[in-house]
Amino acid sequence: KSERNGQIMKKSFIALMLSLILSLGMVVNAFATDNNVNYYTGAIPEEGTCVYAPVDDEYSLTEEQLCFLAEKQAFFESLSENSLEASSKGTRSVTWKYLSGGFTVYPQLNNHYCGPATVYNTLYKLNGSSPSQYIIALMCGTNSNGTYLSKMVKYLNKKISTRSYDQKNGVNKTDMINYLYSGLCYEMPPIIGFACSTSNGWAYNSNGHFVNINGCKTDGSMFNLADPLIGYLGLTGAFYDKTSTQLYNAYNSVNIGLAW
């Protein structure tokens, strides 16, 4: 009887292990099929293939992109501290400057995908389409701690080819305002990283988060944010306004930068 019970327990154990292995295999296959991601550490392949590698740290801007960046920089330098309107506009009336044609905020897919989601939303605006957040995360080296802005900027510059983003860290409040406004004027959705808390009037607590900027008052007093975390948290109002002081304090509290 004891031997028979032992055989029954052995068969039950084998059946349980087979069930677990099959179950695990289904999860892995479903993930690979849904996301079309094959992990690869070699050179970046040709477009259209299903093999991906992290963006090359040595990637450099094209001559056309360098010229575009120089033009943006000249525009930035032309802005005064008293008004964000370019001198050629000839007006100091305060209005809102938004990205033309609207902007769509797709929620991030998990709690550390704010970087990939922001890149996705940026490319969707500029190109009309974008690789998935999973692909962007892989290319930008995203992990459970998040994504470096430098990787996001390099990836964006590879995908937009004729225009270019530049990263800024540790700038003062006036320069933050002018960089973000300059990006809007060139129809390049700016990106800003910050840390925030509900005690400072934000909808959530975060030690580091990326969002797009959708608009700015032309006196630099207010910004309209496009936040991919809002949808992920199940909240409403992915677009919301913050004063330039609120935004600068959040930006300045953590050194993860802005891109314009």
Protein backbone atom coordinates (compact mmCIF):
# COMPACT_ATOMS: atom_id res chain seq x y z
CA LYS A 1 0.00 0.00 0.00
CA SER A 2 2.84 2.36 0.88
CA GLU A 3 4.57 1.65 -2.46
CA ARG A 4 1.33 2.26 -4.35
CA ASN A 5 0.78 5.57 -2.57
CA GLY A 6 4.34 6.55 -3.46
CA GLN A 7 3.72 5.83 -7.14
CA ILE A 8 0.52 7.89 -7.08
CA MET A 9 2.37 10.83 -5.46
CA LYS A 10 5.18 10.55 -8.02
CA LYS A 11 2.73 10.60 -10.93
CA SER A 12 0.90 13.54 -9.41
CA PHE A 13 4.18 15.45 -9.00
CA ILE A 14 5.19 14.77 -12.61
CA ALA A 15 1.77 15.88 -13.85
CA LEU A 16 2.03 19.09 -11.80
CA MET A 17 5.50 19.88 -13.15
CA LEU A 18 4.39 19.28 -16.74
CA SER A 19 1.43 21.58 -16.18
CA LEU A 20 3.70 24.32 -14.80
CA ILE A 21 6.18 23.99 -17.67
CA LEU A 22 3.42 24.16 -20.29
CA SER A 23 1.87 27.12 -18.53
CA LEU A 24 5.20 28.97 -18.40
CA GLY A 25 5.87 28.20 -22.04
CA MET A 26 2.52 29.69 -23.05
CA VAL A 27 3.27 32.92 -21.18
CA VAL A 28 6.73 33.31 -22.75
CA ASN A 29 5.47 32.58 -26.26
CA ALA A 30 2.54 34.94 -25.90
CA PHE A 31 4.89 37.73 -24.77
CA ALA A 32 7.25 37.19 -27.69
CA THR A 33 4.42 37.02 -30.21
CA ASP A 34 2.55 40.06 -28.92
CA ASN A 35 5.59 42.34 -28.79
CA ASN A 36 7.69 41.01 -31.67
CA VAL A 37 10.81 41.43 -29.54
CA ASN A 38 13.89 39.30 -30.00
CA TYR A 39 16.72 40.19 -27.65
CA TYR A 40 19.90 40.90 -29.58
CA THR A 41 23.16 42.57 -28.61
CA GLY A 42 24.86 43.04 -31.98
CA ALA A 43 24.73 45.97 -34.39
CA ILE A 44 21.45 47.78 -35.04
CA PRO A 45 19.81 45.91 -37.96
CA GLU A 46 18.10 47.27 -41.03
CA GLU A 47 14.63 48.74 -40.58
CA GLY A 48 11.81 46.27 -41.08
CA THR A 49 13.50 43.34 -39.38
CA CYS A 50 12.30 41.84 -36.10
CA VAL A 51 15.68 41.98 -34.38
CA TYR A 52 16.49 44.94 -32.16
CA ALA A 53 19.50 46.26 -30.29
CA PRO A 54 20.04 49.18 -27.91
CA VAL A 55 20.66 52.54 -29.55
CA ASP A 56 24.34 53.21 -30.28
CA ASP A 57 25.97 55.62 -27.82
CA GLU A 58 28.28 56.81 -30.59
CA TYR A 59 25.42 57.83 -32.87
CA SER A 60 26.00 61.38 -34.16
CA LEU A 61 23.74 63.98 -35.75
CA THR A 62 23.65 64.49 -39.49
CA GLU A 63 24.75 67.80 -40.99
CA GLU A 64 21.10 68.69 -41.59
CA GLN A 65 20.26 67.98 -37.96
CA LEU A 66 23.19 70.06 -36.74
CA CYS A 67 21.99 73.00 -38.85
CA PHE A 68 18.48 72.59 -37.46
CA LEU A 69 19.80 72.57 -33.90
CA ALA A 70 21.87 75.69 -34.55
CA GLU A 71 18.76 77.45 -35.89
CA LYS A 72 16.78 76.46 -32.80
CA GLN A 73 19.61 77.65 -30.55
CA ALA A 74 19.65 81.03 -32.28
CA PHE A 75 15.90 81.33 -31.73
CA PHE A 76 16.34 80.42 -28.07
CA GLU A 77 18.98 83.13 -27.66
CA SER A 78 16.68 85.71 -29.24
CA LEU A 79 14.09 85.35 -26.48
CA SER A 80 14.01 88.04 -23.82
CA GLU A 81 13.46 87.52 -20.11
CA ASN A 82 10.39 89.77 -20.18
CA SER A 83 8.48 88.14 -22.99
CA LEU A 84 8.69 84.76 -24.71
CA GLU A 85 7.37 86.09 -27.99
CA ALA A 86 10.05 86.13 -30.66
CA SER A 87 11.00 89.72 -31.55
CA SER A 88 9.64 89.22 -35.08
CA LYS A 89 6.13 88.64 -33.69
CA GLY A 90 5.88 92.28 -32.66
CA THR A 91 3.45 91.73 -29.79
CA ARG A 92 3.54 91.26 -26.03
CA SER A 93 -0.08 90.13 -25.56
CA VAL A 94 -0.27 86.99 -23.47
CA THR A 95 -1.76 83.99 -25.26
CA TRP A 96 -1.27 80.22 -25.25
CA LYS A 97 1.21 78.63 -27.64
CA TYR A 98 0.26 74.99 -28.30
CA LEU A 99 1.61 72.33 -30.61
CA SER A 100 -0.37 72.74 -33.83
CA GLY A 101 -2.75 70.02 -34.93
CA GLY A 102 -3.25 68.66 -31.42
CA PHE A 103 -1.33 66.09 -29.44
CA THR A 104 -2.32 62.57 -28.39
CA VAL A 105 -1.32 61.08 -25.04
CA TYR A 106 -1.11 57.29 -25.02
CA PRO A 107 -0.73 55.94 -21.45
CA GLN A 108 2.48 54.24 -20.41
CA LEU A 109 2.19 50.45 -20.20
CA ASN A 110 3.67 50.01 -16.71
CA ASN A 111 4.97 52.10 -13.84
CA HIS A 112 8.52 52.51 -15.26
CA TYR A 113 7.64 53.12 -18.94
CA CYS A 114 7.21 56.89 -18.76
CA GLY A 115 10.29 57.28 -20.97
CA PRO A 116 9.16 54.87 -23.72
CA ALA A 117 5.62 56.27 -23.59
CA THR A 118 6.88 59.85 -23.93
CA VAL A 119 9.08 58.84 -26.88
CA TYR A 120 6.13 56.97 -28.41
CA ASN A 121 3.84 60.00 -28.09
CA THR A 122 6.56 62.28 -29.50
CA LEU A 123 7.16 60.09 -32.56
CA TYR A 124 3.45 59.64 -33.11
CA LYS A 125 3.11 63.42 -33.28
CA LEU A 126 6.15 63.95 -35.53
CA ASN A 127 5.93 60.89 -37.81
CA GLY A 128 2.30 59.83 -37.57
CA SER A 129 3.40 56.43 -36.23
CA SER A 130 5.86 54.89 -33.81
CA PRO A 131 7.39 51.56 -32.84
CA SER A 132 5.73 50.03 -29.78
CA GLN A 133 6.65 51.10 -26.27
CA TYR A 134 8.22 47.66 -25.82
CA ILE A 135 10.56 48.22 -28.75
CA ILE A 136 11.42 51.74 -27.59
CA ALA A 137 12.15 50.43 -24.09
CA LEU A 138 14.50 47.80 -25.48
CA MET A 139 16.27 50.27 -27.75
CA CYS A 140 16.64 52.84 -24.96
CA GLY A 141 17.80 50.41 -22.29
CA THR A 142 14.78 50.87 -20.04
CA ASN A 143 14.76 48.85 -16.82
CA SER A 144 12.76 48.82 -13.60
CA ASN A 145 14.48 52.07 -12.57
CA GLY A 146 13.36 53.86 -15.74
CA THR A 147 15.14 55.31 -18.78
CA TYR A 148 18.01 57.75 -19.30
CA LEU A 149 16.98 60.86 -21.24
CA SER A 150 20.22 60.70 -23.26
CA LYS A 151 19.12 57.35 -24.72
CA MET A 152 15.68 58.73 -25.50
CA VAL A 153 17.17 61.74 -27.30
CA LYS A 154 19.51 59.58 -29.41
CA TYR A 155 16.65 57.27 -30.36
CA LEU A 156 14.39 60.19 -31.29
CA ASN A 157 17.11 61.78 -33.42
CA LYS A 158 17.59 58.52 -35.31
CA LYS A 159 13.87 58.32 -36.03
CA ILE A 160 13.23 61.92 -37.10
CA SER A 161 16.40 62.27 -39.24
CA THR A 162 15.94 65.85 -40.52
CA ARG A 163 15.25 67.53 -37.18
CA SER A 164 16.94 67.06 -33.83
CA TYR A 165 16.47 67.18 -30.08
CA ASP A 166 19.04 68.42 -27.59
CA GLN A 167 19.27 67.64 -23.87
CA LYS A 168 19.72 70.18 -21.10
CA ASN A 169 20.38 69.48 -17.42
CA GLY A 170 20.53 71.87 -14.48
CA VAL A 171 19.40 75.01 -16.32
CA ASN A 172 17.92 77.99 -14.48
CA LYS A 173 14.22 78.80 -14.53
CA THR A 174 14.38 81.38 -17.32
CA ASP A 175 16.34 79.05 -19.58
CA MET A 176 13.99 76.14 -18.82
CA ILE A 177 11.05 78.29 -19.90
CA ASN A 178 12.80 79.48 -23.06
CA TYR A 179 14.03 76.01 -24.07
CA LEU A 180 10.56 74.52 -23.72
CA TYR A 181 8.94 77.43 -25.55
CA SER A 182 11.51 77.21 -28.36
CA GLY A 183 10.70 73.54 -28.84
CA LEU A 184 7.00 74.35 -29.13
CA CYS A 185 7.69 77.07 -31.70
CA TYR A 186 9.58 74.54 -33.82
CA GLU A 187 6.75 71.98 -33.44
CA MET A 188 9.08 69.64 -31.52
CA PRO A 189 7.13 68.34 -28.49
CA PRO A 190 9.48 69.16 -25.59
CA ILE A 191 10.21 66.55 -22.93
CA ILE A 192 10.90 67.30 -19.30
CA GLY A 193 11.89 65.11 -16.37
CA PHE A 194 10.96 65.91 -12.80
CA ALA A 195 10.17 64.58 -9.35
CA CYS A 196 6.93 65.51 -7.62
CA SER A 197 4.58 64.76 -4.74
CA THR A 198 0.95 65.16 -3.82
CA SER A 199 2.02 67.49 -1.03
CA ASN A 200 3.19 69.91 -3.74
CA GLY A 201 -0.09 69.80 -5.62
CA TRP A 202 0.62 66.98 -8.08
CA ALA A 203 -1.71 64.05 -8.74
CA TYR A 204 0.87 61.44 -7.64
CA ASN A 205 4.25 60.92 -6.02
CA SER A 206 7.27 60.22 -8.21
CA ASN A 207 11.03 60.22 -7.71
CA GLY A 208 11.54 60.66 -11.45
CA HIS A 209 9.11 60.99 -14.34
CA PHE A 210 9.02 62.16 -17.99
CA VAL A 211 6.20 64.03 -19.75
CA ASN A 212 5.73 66.04 -22.92
CA ILE A 213 4.98 69.75 -22.95
CA ASN A 214 1.91 70.54 -25.08
CA GLY A 215 1.66 74.27 -24.52
CA CYS A 216 3.02 77.39 -22.84
CA LYS A 217 1.70 80.87 -22.12
CA THR A 218 3.68 83.39 -24.12
CA ASP A 219 4.78 85.19 -20.96
CA GLY A 220 6.24 81.93 -19.65
CA SER A 221 3.97 81.85 -16.61
CA MET A 222 2.15 78.57 -17.28
CA PHE A 223 2.72 75.23 -19.05
CA ASN A 224 0.34 72.58 -20.31
CA LEU A 225 1.66 69.06 -19.64
CA ALA A 226 0.83 65.85 -21.54
CA ASP A 227 1.31 63.10 -18.96
CA PRO A 228 1.33 59.36 -19.88
CA LEU A 229 1.14 58.28 -16.22
CA ILE A 230 -2.36 59.67 -15.71
CA GLY A 231 -4.01 57.06 -17.93
CA TYR A 232 -1.91 54.24 -16.48
CA LEU A 233 -3.06 55.20 -12.98
CA GLY A 234 -6.67 55.16 -14.15
CA LEU A 235 -7.08 58.90 -13.57
CA THR A 236 -8.62 61.43 -15.93
CA GLY A 237 -7.03 64.58 -17.32
CA ALA A 238 -3.80 63.61 -19.08
CA PHE A 239 -3.49 67.30 -20.02
CA TYR A 240 -3.15 69.73 -17.13
CA ASP A 241 -1.55 73.08 -16.36
CA LYS A 242 1.30 73.91 -13.99
CA THR A 243 2.86 77.28 -13.29
CA SER A 244 6.43 77.74 -14.45
CA THR A 245 7.49 77.90 -10.79
CA GLN A 246 5.81 74.56 -9.99
CA LEU A 247 7.36 72.97 -13.05
CA TYR A 248 10.81 74.38 -12.41
CA ASN A 249 10.80 73.27 -8.78
CA ALA A 250 9.89 69.74 -9.89
CA TYR A 251 12.50 69.79 -12.70
CA ASN A 252 15.20 71.19 -10.43
CA SER A 253 14.55 68.64 -7.68
CA VAL A 254 16.02 65.76 -9.71
CA ASN A 255 18.79 65.84 -12.30
CA ILE A 256 17.19 63.92 -15.19
CA GLY A 257 16.97 66.80 -17.64
CA LEU A 258 14.80 68.20 -20.42
CA ALA A 259 14.86 67.81 -24.19
CA TRP A 260 13.79 70.48 -26.64
